[in-house]
N, C-alpha and C. Protein backbone atom coordinates (compact mmCIF):
# COMPACT_ATOMS: atom_id res chain seq x y z
N UNK A 1 54.06 68.86 -17.88
CA UNK A 1 54.16 68.18 -19.15
C UNK A 1 54.40 69.09 -20.29
N UNK A 2 55.52 69.02 -20.98
CA UNK A 2 55.77 69.89 -22.11
C UNK A 2 55.11 69.39 -23.41
N UNK A 3 54.46 70.07 -24.07
CA UNK A 3 53.64 69.72 -25.31
C UNK A 3 54.69 69.30 -26.46
N UNK A 4 55.61 70.09 -26.60
CA UNK A 4 56.64 69.85 -27.71
C UNK A 4 57.94 70.37 -27.23
N UNK A 5 58.81 69.60 -26.55
CA UNK A 5 60.04 70.16 -26.03
C UNK A 5 60.97 70.63 -27.03
N UNK A 6 60.90 70.17 -28.24
CA UNK A 6 61.88 70.60 -29.31
C UNK A 6 61.50 71.99 -29.67
N UNK A 7 60.27 72.45 -29.42
CA UNK A 7 59.86 73.83 -29.82
C UNK A 7 59.89 74.88 -28.68
N UNK A 8 60.31 74.40 -27.52
CA UNK A 8 60.12 75.33 -26.34
C UNK A 8 60.87 76.51 -26.36
N UNK A 9 61.91 76.70 -27.29
CA UNK A 9 62.69 77.89 -27.29
C UNK A 9 62.16 78.77 -28.35
N UNK A 10 61.14 78.50 -29.04
CA UNK A 10 60.53 79.40 -30.05
C UNK A 10 60.06 80.72 -29.44
N UNK A 11 60.27 81.76 -30.16
CA UNK A 11 60.00 83.07 -29.65
C UNK A 11 58.51 83.39 -30.10
N UNK A 12 57.87 84.34 -29.26
CA UNK A 12 56.54 84.74 -29.69
C UNK A 12 56.44 85.56 -30.92
N UNK A 13 57.45 86.25 -31.32
CA UNK A 13 57.41 87.00 -32.54
C UNK A 13 57.73 86.27 -33.76
N UNK A 14 58.51 85.13 -33.54
CA UNK A 14 58.94 84.33 -34.70
C UNK A 14 58.53 82.96 -34.42
N UNK A 15 57.35 82.69 -33.93
CA UNK A 15 56.87 81.40 -33.49
C UNK A 15 57.01 80.31 -34.57
N UNK A 16 57.60 79.26 -34.09
CA UNK A 16 57.86 78.09 -35.07
C UNK A 16 56.60 77.19 -34.97
N UNK A 17 55.50 77.50 -35.66
CA UNK A 17 54.44 76.61 -35.64
C UNK A 17 54.51 75.50 -36.61
N UNK A 18 54.12 74.34 -36.18
CA UNK A 18 54.20 73.09 -37.05
C UNK A 18 53.15 73.20 -38.15
N UNK A 19 53.31 72.41 -39.25
CA UNK A 19 52.32 72.30 -40.22
C UNK A 19 51.08 71.91 -39.66
N UNK A 20 49.94 72.54 -39.80
CA UNK A 20 48.71 72.26 -39.10
C UNK A 20 47.91 70.99 -39.68
N UNK A 21 48.44 70.44 -40.75
CA UNK A 21 47.62 69.30 -41.34
C UNK A 21 48.59 68.12 -41.23
N UNK A 22 49.68 68.16 -40.75
CA UNK A 22 50.64 66.92 -40.78
C UNK A 22 51.13 66.59 -39.39
N UNK A 23 51.02 65.26 -39.10
CA UNK A 23 51.57 64.77 -37.86
C UNK A 23 51.00 65.19 -36.53
N UNK A 24 49.71 65.57 -36.60
CA UNK A 24 49.09 66.01 -35.29
C UNK A 24 48.95 64.79 -34.41
N UNK A 25 49.21 65.03 -33.05
CA UNK A 25 49.13 64.04 -32.05
C UNK A 25 48.20 64.47 -30.93
N UNK A 26 47.11 63.79 -30.58
CA UNK A 26 46.32 64.11 -29.54
C UNK A 26 46.96 64.06 -28.24
N UNK A 27 46.61 65.06 -27.46
CA UNK A 27 47.05 65.13 -26.01
C UNK A 27 46.22 64.08 -25.26
N UNK A 28 46.79 63.09 -24.51
CA UNK A 28 46.09 62.11 -23.84
C UNK A 28 45.33 62.59 -22.65
N UNK A 29 44.29 61.93 -22.20
CA UNK A 29 43.41 62.34 -21.13
C UNK A 29 44.21 62.59 -19.88
N UNK A 30 45.31 61.90 -19.60
CA UNK A 30 46.20 61.88 -18.41
C UNK A 30 46.70 63.37 -18.19
N UNK A 31 46.96 64.07 -19.41
CA UNK A 31 47.47 65.39 -19.31
C UNK A 31 46.54 66.32 -18.41
N UNK A 32 45.24 66.09 -18.56
CA UNK A 32 44.24 66.98 -17.85
C UNK A 32 43.96 66.60 -16.41
N UNK A 33 44.45 65.42 -16.07
CA UNK A 33 44.23 64.93 -14.72
C UNK A 33 45.16 65.56 -13.65
N UNK A 34 45.08 66.92 -13.63
CA UNK A 34 45.92 67.75 -12.82
C UNK A 34 45.17 69.00 -12.46
N UNK A 35 45.60 69.82 -11.55
CA UNK A 35 45.02 71.03 -11.17
C UNK A 35 44.70 71.91 -12.40
N UNK A 36 43.55 72.63 -12.40
CA UNK A 36 43.12 73.32 -13.63
C UNK A 36 44.17 74.52 -13.96
N UNK A 37 44.78 75.11 -12.86
CA UNK A 37 45.66 76.22 -13.20
C UNK A 37 46.89 75.67 -13.92
N UNK A 38 47.38 74.46 -13.55
CA UNK A 38 48.54 73.87 -14.15
C UNK A 38 48.18 73.53 -15.72
N UNK A 39 47.02 72.96 -15.81
CA UNK A 39 46.63 72.63 -17.17
C UNK A 39 46.52 73.86 -18.03
N UNK A 40 45.90 74.86 -17.51
CA UNK A 40 45.59 76.17 -18.32
C UNK A 40 46.98 76.69 -18.71
N UNK A 41 47.95 76.79 -17.95
CA UNK A 41 49.25 77.27 -18.30
C UNK A 41 49.82 76.39 -19.38
N UNK A 42 49.75 75.12 -19.36
CA UNK A 42 50.43 74.30 -20.25
C UNK A 42 49.60 74.10 -21.50
N UNK A 43 48.38 74.39 -21.52
CA UNK A 43 47.60 74.41 -22.79
C UNK A 43 48.05 75.56 -23.75
N UNK A 44 48.71 76.51 -23.32
CA UNK A 44 49.13 77.50 -24.25
C UNK A 44 50.10 77.01 -25.13
N UNK A 45 49.91 77.15 -26.47
CA UNK A 45 50.67 76.60 -27.49
C UNK A 45 50.20 75.31 -28.08
N UNK A 46 49.17 74.68 -27.34
CA UNK A 46 48.56 73.45 -27.90
C UNK A 46 47.61 73.83 -29.04
N UNK A 47 47.20 72.86 -29.80
CA UNK A 47 46.35 73.07 -30.96
C UNK A 47 44.92 72.60 -30.68
N UNK A 48 43.94 73.45 -30.91
CA UNK A 48 42.50 72.95 -30.86
C UNK A 48 42.17 72.63 -32.24
N UNK A 49 41.70 71.43 -32.40
CA UNK A 49 41.34 70.86 -33.77
C UNK A 49 39.90 70.62 -33.85
N UNK A 50 39.21 71.12 -34.76
CA UNK A 50 37.86 70.79 -35.11
C UNK A 50 37.58 70.19 -36.42
N UNK A 51 37.19 68.91 -36.43
CA UNK A 51 36.83 68.18 -37.61
C UNK A 51 35.33 68.14 -37.83
N UNK A 52 34.57 69.09 -37.14
CA UNK A 52 33.13 69.16 -37.25
C UNK A 52 32.61 69.54 -38.71
N UNK A 53 31.62 68.80 -39.10
CA UNK A 53 31.22 69.08 -40.45
C UNK A 53 32.11 68.59 -41.54
N UNK A 54 32.93 67.64 -41.20
CA UNK A 54 33.90 66.95 -42.12
C UNK A 54 34.86 67.94 -42.79
N UNK A 55 35.15 69.04 -42.05
CA UNK A 55 36.18 69.95 -42.51
C UNK A 55 37.14 70.15 -41.35
N UNK A 56 38.36 70.43 -41.59
CA UNK A 56 39.32 70.53 -40.44
C UNK A 56 39.67 72.00 -40.37
N UNK A 57 39.63 72.46 -39.08
CA UNK A 57 40.09 73.76 -38.65
C UNK A 57 41.05 73.51 -37.53
N UNK A 58 42.19 74.21 -37.56
CA UNK A 58 43.16 74.10 -36.58
C UNK A 58 43.57 75.44 -36.14
N UNK A 59 43.74 75.58 -34.82
CA UNK A 59 44.23 76.87 -34.24
C UNK A 59 45.13 76.62 -33.02
N UNK A 60 46.05 77.47 -32.77
CA UNK A 60 46.99 77.47 -31.75
C UNK A 60 46.36 78.29 -30.50
N UNK A 61 46.27 77.74 -29.38
CA UNK A 61 45.71 78.29 -28.14
C UNK A 61 46.64 79.31 -27.68
N UNK A 62 46.14 80.57 -27.39
CA UNK A 62 46.99 81.64 -26.82
C UNK A 62 46.33 82.22 -25.53
N UNK A 63 45.25 81.77 -25.21
CA UNK A 63 44.60 82.36 -23.96
C UNK A 63 43.67 81.32 -23.33
N UNK A 64 43.88 81.18 -21.99
CA UNK A 64 42.97 80.18 -21.27
C UNK A 64 42.59 80.83 -19.91
N UNK A 65 41.58 80.29 -19.29
CA UNK A 65 41.21 80.62 -17.90
C UNK A 65 41.02 79.33 -17.15
N UNK A 66 41.42 79.23 -15.92
CA UNK A 66 41.25 78.11 -15.00
C UNK A 66 40.12 78.38 -14.08
N UNK A 67 39.30 77.38 -13.84
CA UNK A 67 38.18 77.34 -12.84
C UNK A 67 38.55 76.10 -12.00
N UNK A 68 39.00 76.36 -10.77
CA UNK A 68 39.90 75.43 -10.08
C UNK A 68 39.15 74.54 -9.07
N UNK A 69 37.86 74.60 -8.91
CA UNK A 69 37.19 73.67 -8.05
C UNK A 69 36.12 74.25 -7.23
N UNK A 70 35.67 73.46 -6.21
CA UNK A 70 34.49 74.00 -5.41
C UNK A 70 34.62 75.12 -4.69
N UNK A 71 35.91 75.46 -4.32
CA UNK A 71 36.31 76.68 -3.54
C UNK A 71 36.31 77.87 -4.38
N UNK A 72 36.28 77.66 -5.60
CA UNK A 72 36.29 78.82 -6.62
C UNK A 72 34.80 79.41 -6.87
N UNK A 73 34.56 80.56 -6.28
CA UNK A 73 33.21 81.08 -6.37
C UNK A 73 32.79 81.57 -7.77
N UNK A 74 33.84 81.72 -8.67
CA UNK A 74 33.48 82.17 -10.07
C UNK A 74 33.23 80.91 -10.97
N UNK A 75 33.35 79.73 -10.38
CA UNK A 75 33.19 78.51 -11.16
C UNK A 75 31.72 78.08 -11.22
N UNK A 76 31.29 77.50 -12.33
CA UNK A 76 30.01 76.89 -12.38
C UNK A 76 29.82 75.81 -11.32
N UNK A 77 31.00 75.19 -10.99
CA UNK A 77 31.01 74.00 -9.98
C UNK A 77 31.25 74.40 -8.59
N UNK A 78 31.09 75.81 -8.21
CA UNK A 78 31.43 76.22 -6.93
C UNK A 78 30.52 75.46 -5.96
N UNK A 79 30.94 75.39 -4.73
CA UNK A 79 30.31 74.57 -3.64
C UNK A 79 28.81 75.15 -3.46
N UNK A 80 28.72 76.53 -3.61
CA UNK A 80 27.37 77.06 -3.32
C UNK A 80 26.33 76.60 -4.39
N UNK A 81 26.76 76.07 -5.55
CA UNK A 81 25.74 75.53 -6.48
C UNK A 81 25.51 74.10 -6.30
N UNK A 82 26.54 73.37 -5.90
CA UNK A 82 26.46 71.89 -5.95
C UNK A 82 26.45 71.33 -7.33
N UNK A 83 26.08 70.08 -7.46
CA UNK A 83 26.11 69.49 -8.76
C UNK A 83 24.72 69.61 -9.41
N UNK A 84 24.79 70.24 -10.63
CA UNK A 84 23.42 70.51 -11.34
C UNK A 84 23.43 69.95 -12.67
N UNK A 85 22.29 70.02 -13.41
CA UNK A 85 22.23 69.44 -14.72
C UNK A 85 23.24 70.24 -15.65
N UNK A 86 23.39 71.58 -15.45
CA UNK A 86 24.21 72.40 -16.29
C UNK A 86 25.68 72.07 -16.02
N UNK A 87 26.08 71.97 -14.74
CA UNK A 87 27.56 71.84 -14.45
C UNK A 87 28.02 70.35 -14.40
N UNK A 88 27.06 69.46 -14.54
CA UNK A 88 27.45 68.03 -14.35
C UNK A 88 28.66 67.56 -15.21
N UNK A 89 28.83 68.15 -16.46
CA UNK A 89 29.99 67.65 -17.21
C UNK A 89 31.32 68.00 -16.51
N UNK A 90 31.30 69.10 -15.76
CA UNK A 90 32.54 69.49 -15.09
C UNK A 90 33.04 68.45 -14.12
N UNK A 91 32.10 67.55 -13.58
CA UNK A 91 32.41 66.54 -12.71
C UNK A 91 32.81 65.23 -13.29
N UNK A 92 32.86 65.25 -14.63
CA UNK A 92 33.18 64.06 -15.44
C UNK A 92 34.73 63.72 -15.49
N UNK A 93 35.05 62.79 -16.40
CA UNK A 93 36.43 62.51 -16.46
C UNK A 93 37.24 63.56 -17.11
N UNK A 94 38.55 63.68 -16.62
CA UNK A 94 39.48 64.71 -17.12
C UNK A 94 39.65 64.43 -18.66
N UNK A 95 39.73 65.66 -19.36
CA UNK A 95 39.92 65.49 -20.75
C UNK A 95 38.67 65.49 -21.62
N UNK A 96 37.49 65.69 -20.95
CA UNK A 96 36.28 65.73 -21.80
C UNK A 96 35.85 67.24 -21.88
N UNK A 97 35.01 67.50 -22.87
CA UNK A 97 34.53 68.81 -23.20
C UNK A 97 33.41 69.20 -22.28
N UNK A 98 33.37 70.43 -21.85
CA UNK A 98 32.33 71.07 -21.08
C UNK A 98 31.93 72.29 -22.01
N UNK A 99 30.80 72.19 -22.67
CA UNK A 99 30.42 73.26 -23.54
C UNK A 99 29.15 73.88 -22.92
N UNK A 100 29.09 75.10 -22.70
CA UNK A 100 27.91 75.80 -22.22
C UNK A 100 27.62 77.13 -22.90
N UNK A 101 26.46 77.55 -22.76
CA UNK A 101 25.95 78.80 -23.43
C UNK A 101 25.91 79.92 -22.52
N UNK A 102 26.36 81.08 -22.91
CA UNK A 102 26.24 82.31 -22.02
C UNK A 102 25.42 83.32 -22.85
N UNK A 103 24.58 84.15 -22.06
CA UNK A 103 23.74 85.10 -22.55
C UNK A 103 22.72 84.48 -23.49
N UNK A 104 22.55 83.25 -23.41
CA UNK A 104 21.59 82.51 -24.33
C UNK A 104 21.94 82.57 -25.74
N UNK A 105 23.15 82.94 -26.08
CA UNK A 105 23.63 83.13 -27.46
C UNK A 105 25.01 82.40 -27.77
N UNK A 106 26.04 82.58 -26.93
CA UNK A 106 27.38 82.26 -27.25
C UNK A 106 27.64 80.91 -26.57
N UNK A 107 28.34 80.02 -27.28
CA UNK A 107 28.80 78.81 -26.78
C UNK A 107 30.19 79.04 -26.31
N UNK A 108 30.65 78.28 -25.25
CA UNK A 108 31.99 78.32 -24.73
C UNK A 108 32.63 76.95 -24.53
N UNK A 109 33.85 76.79 -24.98
CA UNK A 109 34.51 75.46 -24.91
C UNK A 109 35.48 75.37 -23.71
N UNK A 110 35.28 74.42 -22.92
CA UNK A 110 36.16 74.11 -21.81
C UNK A 110 36.69 72.62 -21.82
N UNK A 111 37.75 72.37 -21.21
CA UNK A 111 38.15 71.00 -20.97
C UNK A 111 38.20 70.75 -19.59
N UNK A 112 37.63 69.52 -19.11
CA UNK A 112 37.42 69.21 -17.78
C UNK A 112 38.94 68.76 -17.25
N UNK A 113 39.18 69.11 -15.93
CA UNK A 113 40.44 68.73 -15.40
C UNK A 113 40.29 68.18 -14.00
N UNK A 114 41.40 67.49 -13.64
CA UNK A 114 41.39 66.99 -12.24
C UNK A 114 40.60 65.62 -12.09
N UNK A 115 40.50 65.23 -10.83
CA UNK A 115 39.82 63.89 -10.58
C UNK A 115 38.39 63.98 -10.96
N UNK A 116 37.89 62.85 -11.44
CA UNK A 116 36.47 62.77 -11.67
C UNK A 116 35.68 62.95 -10.38
N UNK A 117 34.66 63.82 -10.48
CA UNK A 117 33.92 64.18 -9.35
C UNK A 117 34.26 65.33 -8.66
N UNK A 118 35.41 66.11 -9.05
CA UNK A 118 35.99 67.24 -8.38
C UNK A 118 35.26 68.46 -8.83
N UNK A 119 35.13 68.75 -10.14
CA UNK A 119 34.43 69.85 -10.70
C UNK A 119 35.36 71.05 -11.08
N UNK A 120 36.27 70.80 -12.07
CA UNK A 120 37.15 71.89 -12.41
C UNK A 120 37.36 71.83 -13.98
N UNK A 121 37.74 72.99 -14.52
CA UNK A 121 37.83 73.03 -16.04
C UNK A 121 38.69 74.15 -16.45
N UNK A 122 39.17 74.14 -17.63
CA UNK A 122 39.86 75.23 -18.31
C UNK A 122 38.97 75.72 -19.53
N UNK A 123 38.77 77.02 -19.48
CA UNK A 123 38.11 77.71 -20.63
C UNK A 123 39.15 78.11 -21.66
N UNK A 124 38.90 77.77 -22.92
CA UNK A 124 39.74 78.25 -23.95
C UNK A 124 39.22 79.62 -24.55
N UNK A 125 39.94 80.66 -24.27
CA UNK A 125 39.46 81.98 -24.55
C UNK A 125 39.87 82.50 -25.85
N UNK A 126 41.07 82.14 -26.43
CA UNK A 126 41.33 82.69 -27.70
C UNK A 126 42.48 81.77 -28.34
N UNK A 127 42.50 81.87 -29.65
CA UNK A 127 43.41 81.01 -30.43
C UNK A 127 43.74 81.75 -31.77
N UNK A 128 44.94 81.30 -32.38
CA UNK A 128 45.41 81.76 -33.70
C UNK A 128 44.96 80.80 -34.76
N UNK A 129 44.14 81.28 -35.79
CA UNK A 129 43.93 80.33 -36.79
C UNK A 129 45.00 79.92 -37.70
N UNK A 130 45.13 78.57 -37.93
CA UNK A 130 46.20 78.02 -38.67
C UNK A 130 45.77 77.34 -39.93
N UNK A 131 44.68 76.76 -39.89
CA UNK A 131 44.21 75.96 -41.01
C UNK A 131 42.67 75.83 -41.04
N UNK A 132 42.05 75.80 -42.18
CA UNK A 132 40.65 75.80 -42.40
C UNK A 132 40.12 77.34 -42.11
N UNK A 133 40.96 78.21 -42.39
CA UNK A 133 40.64 79.63 -42.20
C UNK A 133 39.36 80.04 -42.98
N UNK A 134 39.24 79.46 -44.30
CA UNK A 134 38.15 79.83 -45.08
C UNK A 134 36.82 79.45 -44.39
N UNK A 135 36.79 78.31 -43.65
CA UNK A 135 35.59 77.93 -42.99
C UNK A 135 35.29 78.83 -41.72
N UNK A 136 36.44 79.21 -41.04
CA UNK A 136 36.13 80.13 -39.96
C UNK A 136 35.57 81.50 -40.48
N UNK A 137 36.18 81.93 -41.60
CA UNK A 137 35.64 83.24 -42.21
C UNK A 137 34.14 83.10 -42.54
N UNK A 138 33.76 81.85 -43.08
CA UNK A 138 32.40 81.67 -43.42
C UNK A 138 31.51 81.75 -42.27
N UNK A 139 31.93 81.14 -41.13
CA UNK A 139 31.18 81.13 -39.94
C UNK A 139 31.12 82.44 -39.13
N UNK A 140 32.20 83.25 -39.39
CA UNK A 140 32.27 84.59 -38.79
C UNK A 140 32.58 85.60 -39.91
N UNK A 141 31.62 86.00 -40.78
CA UNK A 141 31.80 86.73 -41.88
C UNK A 141 32.14 88.23 -41.51
N UNK A 142 32.89 88.87 -42.50
CA UNK A 142 33.22 90.24 -42.31
C UNK A 142 34.06 90.64 -41.06
N UNK A 143 34.88 89.68 -40.65
CA UNK A 143 35.76 89.86 -39.45
C UNK A 143 37.20 89.67 -39.93
N UNK A 144 38.10 90.49 -39.44
CA UNK A 144 39.46 90.25 -39.81
C UNK A 144 39.98 89.01 -39.20
N UNK A 145 40.92 88.36 -39.78
CA UNK A 145 41.44 87.00 -39.35
C UNK A 145 41.86 87.15 -37.82
N UNK A 146 42.34 88.23 -37.41
CA UNK A 146 42.80 88.29 -36.10
C UNK A 146 41.63 88.16 -35.09
N UNK A 147 40.40 88.48 -35.48
CA UNK A 147 39.34 88.44 -34.56
C UNK A 147 38.54 87.13 -34.74
N UNK A 148 38.93 86.20 -35.59
CA UNK A 148 38.10 84.97 -35.82
C UNK A 148 37.96 84.20 -34.57
N UNK A 149 38.97 84.05 -33.72
CA UNK A 149 38.91 83.27 -32.57
C UNK A 149 39.33 83.97 -31.39
N UNK A 150 39.02 85.24 -31.39
CA UNK A 150 39.39 86.16 -30.18
C UNK A 150 38.22 86.27 -29.32
N UNK A 151 38.25 85.61 -28.16
CA UNK A 151 37.19 85.60 -27.22
C UNK A 151 36.38 84.16 -27.29
N UNK A 152 35.86 83.61 -26.20
CA UNK A 152 35.48 82.32 -26.25
C UNK A 152 34.21 81.98 -27.10
N UNK A 153 33.39 83.05 -27.09
CA UNK A 153 32.13 82.83 -27.99
C UNK A 153 32.59 82.78 -29.46
N UNK A 154 33.48 83.74 -29.82
CA UNK A 154 33.94 83.78 -31.20
C UNK A 154 34.63 82.47 -31.60
N UNK A 155 35.49 81.91 -30.67
CA UNK A 155 36.22 80.74 -30.91
C UNK A 155 35.27 79.64 -31.22
N UNK A 156 34.28 79.45 -30.29
CA UNK A 156 33.40 78.33 -30.57
C UNK A 156 32.58 78.46 -31.84
N UNK A 157 32.18 79.58 -32.21
CA UNK A 157 31.43 79.83 -33.44
C UNK A 157 32.40 79.53 -34.69
N UNK A 158 33.50 80.00 -34.57
CA UNK A 158 34.46 79.79 -35.76
C UNK A 158 34.77 78.31 -35.93
N UNK A 159 34.87 77.53 -34.87
CA UNK A 159 35.12 76.11 -34.96
C UNK A 159 33.88 75.28 -34.98
N UNK A 160 32.74 75.86 -35.07
CA UNK A 160 31.35 75.21 -35.10
C UNK A 160 31.08 74.34 -33.96
N UNK A 161 31.54 74.78 -32.73
CA UNK A 161 31.28 74.09 -31.51
C UNK A 161 29.94 74.53 -30.94
N UNK A 162 29.16 73.63 -30.45
CA UNK A 162 27.87 73.87 -29.82
C UNK A 162 27.59 72.86 -28.83
N UNK A 163 26.37 72.92 -28.26
CA UNK A 163 25.97 71.97 -27.17
C UNK A 163 26.12 70.53 -27.50
N UNK A 164 25.96 70.20 -28.76
CA UNK A 164 26.03 68.77 -29.13
C UNK A 164 27.45 68.16 -28.83
N UNK A 165 28.32 69.03 -28.60
CA UNK A 165 29.76 68.55 -28.37
C UNK A 165 30.07 68.47 -26.88
N UNK A 166 29.07 68.78 -25.99
CA UNK A 166 29.30 68.73 -24.59
C UNK A 166 29.61 67.22 -24.20
N UNK A 167 30.51 66.99 -23.33
CA UNK A 167 30.92 65.73 -22.73
C UNK A 167 31.76 64.91 -23.68
N UNK A 168 32.10 65.39 -24.90
CA UNK A 168 32.93 64.50 -25.82
C UNK A 168 34.24 64.41 -25.34
N UNK A 169 34.95 63.27 -25.43
CA UNK A 169 36.34 63.12 -25.19
C UNK A 169 37.13 64.02 -26.09
N UNK A 170 38.16 64.82 -25.57
CA UNK A 170 38.89 65.71 -26.41
C UNK A 170 40.26 65.14 -26.84
N UNK A 171 40.27 63.85 -26.95
CA UNK A 171 41.54 63.21 -27.47
C UNK A 171 41.31 62.54 -28.79
N UNK A 172 40.22 62.85 -29.43
CA UNK A 172 39.74 62.23 -30.72
C UNK A 172 38.78 63.10 -31.45
N UNK A 173 38.65 63.01 -32.83
CA UNK A 173 37.71 63.75 -33.52
C UNK A 173 36.27 63.47 -32.97
N UNK A 174 35.33 64.43 -33.09
CA UNK A 174 35.44 65.64 -33.99
C UNK A 174 36.10 66.94 -33.46
N UNK A 175 36.29 66.87 -32.05
CA UNK A 175 36.77 68.10 -31.46
C UNK A 175 37.81 67.64 -30.42
N UNK A 176 39.10 68.09 -30.66
CA UNK A 176 40.20 67.55 -29.90
C UNK A 176 41.38 68.52 -29.83
N UNK A 177 42.19 68.29 -28.88
CA UNK A 177 43.42 69.11 -28.54
C UNK A 177 44.65 68.31 -28.95
N UNK A 178 45.48 68.89 -29.86
CA UNK A 178 46.74 68.22 -30.14
C UNK A 178 47.95 68.91 -29.59
N UNK A 179 49.06 68.15 -29.55
CA UNK A 179 50.28 68.75 -29.15
C UNK A 179 50.72 69.85 -29.98
N UNK A 180 51.22 70.89 -29.42
CA UNK A 180 51.78 72.01 -30.24
C UNK A 180 53.15 72.40 -29.75
N UNK A 181 53.42 73.62 -29.76
CA UNK A 181 54.68 74.11 -29.30
C UNK A 181 54.68 74.29 -27.74
N UNK A 182 55.79 74.22 -27.02
CA UNK A 182 55.89 74.52 -25.67
C UNK A 182 56.15 76.09 -25.57
N UNK A 183 55.34 76.77 -24.85
CA UNK A 183 55.55 78.23 -24.59
C UNK A 183 56.32 78.59 -23.44
N UNK A 184 57.55 79.17 -23.54
CA UNK A 184 58.35 79.44 -22.43
C UNK A 184 57.74 80.28 -21.45
N UNK A 185 58.19 80.24 -20.18
CA UNK A 185 57.64 81.06 -19.15
C UNK A 185 57.84 82.54 -19.36
N UNK A 186 58.89 82.88 -20.12
CA UNK A 186 59.15 84.31 -20.45
C UNK A 186 58.05 84.95 -21.29
N UNK A 187 57.36 84.08 -22.04
CA UNK A 187 56.31 84.59 -22.97
C UNK A 187 54.92 84.52 -22.43
N UNK A 188 54.79 84.06 -21.11
CA UNK A 188 53.45 83.91 -20.56
C UNK A 188 53.09 84.99 -19.54
N UNK A 189 51.88 85.57 -19.68
CA UNK A 189 51.42 86.50 -18.68
C UNK A 189 50.24 85.96 -18.02
N UNK A 190 50.09 86.38 -16.74
CA UNK A 190 48.86 85.89 -15.98
C UNK A 190 48.18 87.14 -15.41
N UNK A 191 46.90 87.01 -15.10
CA UNK A 191 46.14 88.02 -14.54
C UNK A 191 44.71 87.61 -14.15
N UNK A 192 43.89 88.48 -13.75
CA UNK A 192 42.52 88.19 -13.39
C UNK A 192 41.71 87.61 -14.45
N UNK A 193 40.74 86.86 -14.20
CA UNK A 193 39.70 86.36 -15.20
C UNK A 193 38.85 87.44 -15.52
N UNK A 194 38.13 87.28 -16.73
CA UNK A 194 37.38 88.30 -17.35
C UNK A 194 35.85 87.95 -17.22
N UNK A 195 35.09 89.01 -16.94
CA UNK A 195 33.66 88.98 -16.99
C UNK A 195 33.05 88.22 -15.80
N UNK A 196 33.74 88.26 -14.57
CA UNK A 196 33.21 87.63 -13.50
C UNK A 196 33.16 88.68 -12.33
N UNK A 197 32.34 88.39 -11.31
CA UNK A 197 32.32 89.29 -10.17
C UNK A 197 32.96 88.67 -8.85
N UNK A 198 32.83 87.32 -8.74
CA UNK A 198 33.30 86.58 -7.67
C UNK A 198 34.76 86.16 -7.89
N UNK A 199 35.60 86.13 -6.84
CA UNK A 199 36.90 85.70 -7.04
C UNK A 199 37.63 86.43 -8.29
N UNK A 200 37.25 87.68 -8.55
CA UNK A 200 37.69 88.44 -9.60
C UNK A 200 39.10 88.71 -9.67
N UNK A 201 39.74 88.73 -8.49
CA UNK A 201 41.23 89.14 -8.51
C UNK A 201 42.14 87.86 -8.55
N UNK A 202 41.56 86.69 -8.72
CA UNK A 202 42.41 85.54 -8.67
C UNK A 202 43.19 85.41 -10.07
N UNK A 203 44.57 85.35 -10.03
CA UNK A 203 45.31 85.39 -11.34
C UNK A 203 45.26 84.10 -12.04
N UNK A 204 44.12 83.72 -12.57
CA UNK A 204 43.95 82.46 -13.27
C UNK A 204 43.66 82.53 -14.72
N UNK A 205 43.94 83.69 -15.35
CA UNK A 205 43.93 83.79 -16.80
C UNK A 205 45.37 83.77 -17.32
N UNK A 206 45.63 82.98 -18.35
CA UNK A 206 47.00 82.84 -18.88
C UNK A 206 46.94 83.20 -20.30
N UNK A 207 47.96 83.99 -20.74
CA UNK A 207 47.98 84.33 -22.23
C UNK A 207 49.42 84.51 -22.63
N UNK A 208 49.52 84.39 -24.01
CA UNK A 208 50.90 84.57 -24.63
C UNK A 208 51.12 86.08 -24.71
N UNK A 209 52.23 86.53 -24.13
CA UNK A 209 52.59 87.91 -24.12
C UNK A 209 52.77 88.51 -25.50
N UNK A 210 51.95 89.60 -25.79
CA UNK A 210 52.14 90.32 -26.96
C UNK A 210 51.44 89.72 -28.16
N UNK A 211 50.72 88.67 -27.95
CA UNK A 211 49.91 88.01 -29.10
C UNK A 211 48.69 88.82 -29.50
N UNK A 212 48.50 89.28 -30.73
CA UNK A 212 47.37 90.11 -31.01
C UNK A 212 46.01 89.43 -31.07
N UNK A 213 46.07 88.09 -30.97
CA UNK A 213 44.80 87.39 -30.90
C UNK A 213 44.18 87.22 -29.46
N UNK A 214 44.89 87.71 -28.51
CA UNK A 214 44.38 87.52 -27.10
C UNK A 214 43.19 88.49 -26.95
N UNK A 215 42.15 88.01 -26.14
CA UNK A 215 40.93 88.71 -26.04
C UNK A 215 41.10 90.07 -25.31
N UNK A 216 42.00 90.11 -24.32
CA UNK A 216 42.20 91.41 -23.61
C UNK A 216 43.72 91.53 -23.34
N UNK A 217 44.26 92.75 -23.49
CA UNK A 217 45.65 92.94 -23.24
C UNK A 217 45.73 93.83 -22.02
N UNK A 218 46.85 93.91 -21.25
CA UNK A 218 46.85 94.71 -20.00
C UNK A 218 46.70 96.18 -20.54
N UNK A 219 45.76 96.87 -19.80
CA UNK A 219 45.42 98.24 -19.98
C UNK A 219 44.43 98.53 -21.13
N UNK A 220 44.09 97.39 -21.88
CA UNK A 220 43.15 97.51 -22.98
C UNK A 220 41.75 97.02 -22.61
N UNK A 221 40.89 97.18 -23.52
CA UNK A 221 39.50 96.68 -23.26
C UNK A 221 39.27 95.26 -23.42
N UNK A 222 38.17 94.78 -22.97
CA UNK A 222 37.88 93.33 -23.23
C UNK A 222 37.34 93.13 -24.69
N UNK A 223 37.72 92.01 -25.17
CA UNK A 223 37.31 91.65 -26.50
C UNK A 223 36.61 90.30 -26.28
N UNK A 224 35.45 90.34 -25.80
CA UNK A 224 34.69 89.02 -25.40
C UNK A 224 34.10 88.49 -26.60
N UNK A 225 33.62 87.26 -26.37
CA UNK A 225 32.87 86.54 -27.43
C UNK A 225 31.65 87.26 -27.75
N UNK A 226 31.32 87.23 -29.10
CA UNK A 226 30.11 87.93 -29.56
C UNK A 226 30.10 88.41 -30.88
């Protein structure tokens, strides 16, 4: 499913981003009812929209990670864990939010994918701020704009996402994903996921080639949430 076919030829260096406050269209839940790796790839270029606190922040997704189901030992829903209170939202309907905390400090935002009861999701790792930047700066003071949403913990903080948004449907406010530009295959890179020890070599991280907002670039260090 192409998010915006008319924009699929836009280049990474001269990206034709739409106006962040006009004509936003929520991506329907059916988009997420597919394998997590497919959804993770196609979420690049989509817009994450936070209307939390009655202010609108919009950002273009440039990095995702797929957690593909019970056979994925890096997933919270891996078969070795079974269904628990923490991972239960991953078994919910496609297109709902799975928000969890890491290190007891940082929240992370995921979208549930695949059939209900399967247990898969896509982690949103990084995004480009487009609108509401003043609110993002207030939530993450003394950071350059390039770093506001670089890494999943930073992204959640800048968008005011926390555990109260767990299980919310992501096709309506206050936290939702809107159609954006289609990112051509030539602009997409894939590689191992970050910060895991199991299934660490699986190429399930997707990012926009050359985008400075990505949390880790090939040969570079990790820029994780924090």
